[in-house]
N, C-alpha and C. Protein backbone atom coordinates (compact mmCIF):
# COMPACT_ATOMS: atom_id res chain seq x y z
N MET A 1 21.90 -14.01 12.87
CA MET A 1 20.87 -14.07 11.84
C MET A 1 19.58 -13.45 12.38
N PRO A 2 18.91 -12.68 11.56
CA PRO A 2 17.67 -12.05 12.03
C PRO A 2 16.51 -13.03 12.17
N PHE A 3 16.55 -14.12 11.41
CA PHE A 3 15.49 -15.12 11.49
C PHE A 3 16.10 -16.45 11.90
N SER A 4 15.40 -17.14 12.77
CA SER A 4 15.92 -18.45 13.18
C SER A 4 14.74 -19.37 13.48
N GLU A 5 14.75 -20.48 12.83
CA GLU A 5 13.76 -21.53 13.05
C GLU A 5 14.47 -22.86 12.97
N SER A 6 13.85 -23.87 13.51
CA SER A 6 14.50 -25.18 13.58
C SER A 6 14.45 -25.95 12.26
N ASN A 7 13.51 -25.61 11.38
CA ASN A 7 13.45 -26.33 10.11
C ASN A 7 13.27 -25.34 8.95
N HIS A 8 13.57 -25.79 7.76
CA HIS A 8 13.57 -24.92 6.58
C HIS A 8 12.19 -24.35 6.26
N THR A 9 11.15 -25.13 6.44
CA THR A 9 9.80 -24.66 6.13
C THR A 9 9.40 -23.52 7.06
N ALA A 10 9.66 -23.67 8.33
CA ALA A 10 9.33 -22.62 9.30
C ALA A 10 10.19 -21.39 9.07
N LEU A 11 11.46 -21.59 8.71
CA LEU A 11 12.34 -20.47 8.43
C LEU A 11 11.84 -19.69 7.22
N TYR A 12 11.47 -20.38 6.16
CA TYR A 12 10.94 -19.73 4.96
C TYR A 12 9.67 -18.95 5.29
N ALA A 13 8.79 -19.53 6.05
CA ALA A 13 7.54 -18.86 6.43
C ALA A 13 7.85 -17.58 7.21
N GLN A 14 8.83 -17.64 8.09
CA GLN A 14 9.20 -16.45 8.86
C GLN A 14 9.80 -15.37 7.95
N ILE A 15 10.65 -15.76 7.03
CA ILE A 15 11.28 -14.80 6.13
C ILE A 15 10.25 -14.07 5.28
N VAL A 16 9.26 -14.79 4.76
CA VAL A 16 8.28 -14.14 3.86
C VAL A 16 7.17 -13.41 4.60
N SER A 17 7.00 -13.66 5.88
CA SER A 17 5.86 -13.04 6.57
C SER A 17 6.23 -12.05 7.68
N VAL A 18 7.44 -12.11 8.19
CA VAL A 18 7.82 -11.27 9.32
C VAL A 18 8.80 -10.19 8.82
N ALA A 19 8.53 -8.96 9.18
CA ALA A 19 9.43 -7.87 8.79
C ALA A 19 10.81 -8.08 9.41
N ALA A 20 11.82 -7.74 8.66
CA ALA A 20 13.19 -7.85 9.17
C ALA A 20 13.38 -6.88 10.33
N PRO A 21 14.13 -7.29 11.31
CA PRO A 21 14.42 -6.37 12.42
C PRO A 21 15.35 -5.26 11.94
N SER A 22 15.31 -4.15 12.62
CA SER A 22 16.21 -3.06 12.27
C SER A 22 17.65 -3.50 12.47
N PRO A 23 18.51 -3.14 11.53
CA PRO A 23 19.93 -3.48 11.70
C PRO A 23 20.52 -2.92 13.01
N THR A 24 19.93 -1.87 13.53
CA THR A 24 20.44 -1.30 14.79
C THR A 24 20.22 -2.25 15.96
N THR A 25 19.27 -3.17 15.85
CA THR A 25 19.08 -4.15 16.92
C THR A 25 20.16 -5.22 16.88
N LEU A 26 20.78 -5.39 15.72
CA LEU A 26 21.85 -6.38 15.56
C LEU A 26 23.23 -5.77 15.77
N ASN A 27 23.34 -4.47 15.48
CA ASN A 27 24.62 -3.77 15.61
C ASN A 27 24.34 -2.32 15.95
N LYS A 28 24.63 -1.93 17.15
CA LYS A 28 24.34 -0.57 17.63
C LYS A 28 25.12 0.51 16.88
N ASP A 29 26.16 0.13 16.15
CA ASP A 29 26.97 1.11 15.41
C ASP A 29 26.34 1.51 14.08
N VAL A 30 25.30 0.81 13.65
CA VAL A 30 24.62 1.15 12.40
C VAL A 30 23.79 2.41 12.64
N SER A 31 23.95 3.39 11.78
CA SER A 31 23.19 4.64 11.93
C SER A 31 21.71 4.41 11.65
N ARG A 32 20.88 5.27 12.20
CA ARG A 32 19.44 5.17 11.93
C ARG A 32 19.17 5.35 10.44
N ALA A 33 19.93 6.22 9.78
CA ALA A 33 19.74 6.45 8.34
C ALA A 33 20.05 5.17 7.56
N ALA A 34 21.17 4.53 7.88
CA ALA A 34 21.53 3.29 7.19
C ALA A 34 20.51 2.19 7.48
N ALA A 35 20.03 2.13 8.70
CA ALA A 35 19.02 1.13 9.06
C ALA A 35 17.73 1.37 8.27
N GLU A 36 17.34 2.63 8.15
CA GLU A 36 16.12 2.96 7.41
C GLU A 36 16.24 2.54 5.94
N VAL A 37 17.40 2.80 5.34
CA VAL A 37 17.62 2.42 3.95
C VAL A 37 17.59 0.89 3.81
N CYS A 38 18.23 0.19 4.73
CA CYS A 38 18.21 -1.28 4.70
C CYS A 38 16.79 -1.82 4.80
N LEU A 39 16.02 -1.27 5.73
CA LEU A 39 14.65 -1.76 5.91
C LEU A 39 13.78 -1.48 4.69
N LYS A 40 14.01 -0.34 4.05
CA LYS A 40 13.25 -0.06 2.83
C LYS A 40 13.63 -1.06 1.74
N ALA A 41 14.90 -1.38 1.64
CA ALA A 41 15.35 -2.35 0.64
C ALA A 41 14.80 -3.75 0.91
N LEU A 42 14.55 -4.06 2.18
CA LEU A 42 14.06 -5.38 2.56
C LEU A 42 12.54 -5.46 2.77
N ALA A 43 11.83 -4.40 2.45
CA ALA A 43 10.39 -4.37 2.69
C ALA A 43 9.69 -5.55 2.02
N LYS A 44 8.71 -6.11 2.70
CA LYS A 44 7.96 -7.25 2.15
C LYS A 44 7.13 -6.84 0.94
N ASP A 45 6.55 -5.65 0.99
CA ASP A 45 5.73 -5.15 -0.11
C ASP A 45 6.65 -4.54 -1.18
N PRO A 46 6.66 -5.10 -2.38
CA PRO A 46 7.54 -4.57 -3.43
C PRO A 46 7.34 -3.08 -3.71
N GLN A 47 6.15 -2.58 -3.51
CA GLN A 47 5.89 -1.16 -3.76
C GLN A 47 6.55 -0.27 -2.72
N GLN A 48 6.90 -0.84 -1.57
CA GLN A 48 7.56 -0.07 -0.51
C GLN A 48 9.08 -0.11 -0.64
N ARG A 49 9.59 -0.98 -1.53
CA ARG A 49 11.03 -1.10 -1.73
C ARG A 49 11.53 -0.05 -2.72
N TYR A 50 12.84 0.04 -2.83
CA TYR A 50 13.44 0.87 -3.88
C TYR A 50 13.02 0.29 -5.22
N GLN A 51 12.67 1.15 -6.14
CA GLN A 51 12.20 0.70 -7.43
C GLN A 51 13.33 0.53 -8.44
N SER A 52 14.52 0.97 -8.07
CA SER A 52 15.68 0.79 -8.94
C SER A 52 16.95 0.88 -8.11
N CYS A 53 18.03 0.38 -8.68
CA CYS A 53 19.33 0.51 -8.02
C CYS A 53 19.74 1.97 -7.95
N ALA A 54 19.35 2.74 -8.95
CA ALA A 54 19.68 4.17 -8.97
C ALA A 54 19.02 4.89 -7.79
N GLU A 55 17.79 4.52 -7.48
CA GLU A 55 17.08 5.13 -6.35
C GLU A 55 17.78 4.78 -5.03
N LEU A 56 18.17 3.53 -4.89
CA LEU A 56 18.91 3.10 -3.70
C LEU A 56 20.24 3.85 -3.60
N LYS A 57 20.94 3.98 -4.72
CA LYS A 57 22.23 4.67 -4.73
C LYS A 57 22.08 6.12 -4.30
N LEU A 58 21.00 6.78 -4.69
CA LEU A 58 20.78 8.16 -4.26
C LEU A 58 20.75 8.26 -2.74
N ASP A 59 20.02 7.36 -2.10
CA ASP A 59 19.93 7.39 -0.64
C ASP A 59 21.27 7.02 0.01
N LEU A 60 21.96 6.05 -0.53
CA LEU A 60 23.27 5.69 0.02
C LEU A 60 24.26 6.84 -0.13
N ASP A 61 24.26 7.48 -1.29
CA ASP A 61 25.13 8.64 -1.50
C ASP A 61 24.77 9.77 -0.54
N ALA A 62 23.48 9.96 -0.30
CA ALA A 62 23.03 11.01 0.61
C ALA A 62 23.49 10.73 2.04
N ILE A 63 23.49 9.48 2.45
CA ILE A 63 23.98 9.13 3.78
C ILE A 63 25.46 9.49 3.89
N VAL A 64 26.24 9.10 2.90
CA VAL A 64 27.68 9.36 2.91
C VAL A 64 27.96 10.86 2.92
N ALA A 65 27.16 11.62 2.16
CA ALA A 65 27.36 13.07 2.06
C ALA A 65 26.75 13.85 3.22
N GLY A 66 25.98 13.16 4.05
CA GLY A 66 25.32 13.84 5.16
C GLY A 66 24.06 14.58 4.78
N ASN A 67 23.48 14.26 3.63
CA ASN A 67 22.27 14.92 3.12
C ASN A 67 21.00 14.12 3.35
N TYR A 68 21.10 13.00 3.98
CA TYR A 68 19.94 12.12 4.17
C TYR A 68 19.20 12.52 5.43
N GLN A 69 17.90 12.67 5.34
CA GLN A 69 17.09 12.98 6.52
C GLN A 69 16.10 11.85 6.74
N LEU A 70 15.94 11.50 8.00
CA LEU A 70 14.98 10.46 8.37
C LEU A 70 13.57 11.00 8.26
N LYS A 71 12.67 10.13 7.92
CA LYS A 71 11.25 10.47 7.90
C LYS A 71 10.57 9.55 8.89
N SER A 72 9.67 10.07 9.67
CA SER A 72 9.05 9.29 10.74
C SER A 72 8.34 8.05 10.23
N SER A 73 7.85 8.07 9.00
CA SER A 73 7.17 6.89 8.47
C SER A 73 8.14 5.80 8.04
N GLY A 74 9.43 6.12 8.10
CA GLY A 74 10.43 5.12 7.70
C GLY A 74 10.83 5.22 6.25
N ILE A 75 10.29 6.18 5.52
CA ILE A 75 10.64 6.36 4.12
C ILE A 75 11.56 7.57 4.03
N ALA A 76 12.60 7.43 3.25
CA ALA A 76 13.63 8.47 3.18
C ALA A 76 13.17 9.69 2.40
N ILE A 77 13.66 10.83 2.86
CA ILE A 77 13.56 12.08 2.10
C ILE A 77 14.99 12.49 1.79
N LEU A 78 15.25 12.74 0.53
CA LEU A 78 16.58 13.17 0.13
C LEU A 78 16.57 14.69 0.05
N VAL A 79 17.46 15.31 0.79
CA VAL A 79 17.59 16.75 0.76
C VAL A 79 18.83 17.08 -0.03
N LEU A 80 18.66 17.73 -1.15
CA LEU A 80 19.79 18.09 -1.98
C LEU A 80 20.28 19.47 -1.61
N LYS A 81 21.51 19.56 -1.20
CA LYS A 81 22.09 20.85 -0.83
C LYS A 81 22.28 21.68 -2.09
N GLY A 82 21.99 22.96 -1.95
CA GLY A 82 22.23 23.90 -3.04
C GLY A 82 21.12 23.96 -4.07
N LEU A 83 20.05 23.23 -3.89
CA LEU A 83 18.92 23.31 -4.84
C LEU A 83 17.75 24.02 -4.22
């Protein structure tokens, strides 16, 4: 588990205030692209999250197709081949 506290109140406080760790820290086999997408989906600020399931699907499809490029700020850029 990414968050661990001894009681429910402390656990809740940690979940709402502390950024989730990168999935790569929990599993080294997770790609940086997949980790970036996960972290964007879990962002504390709603404006930093995916605004729709369709937007998330675009990035997931791009990872599968090999069209996803990392951005240093942690926000995905989708590169569409052939456009």
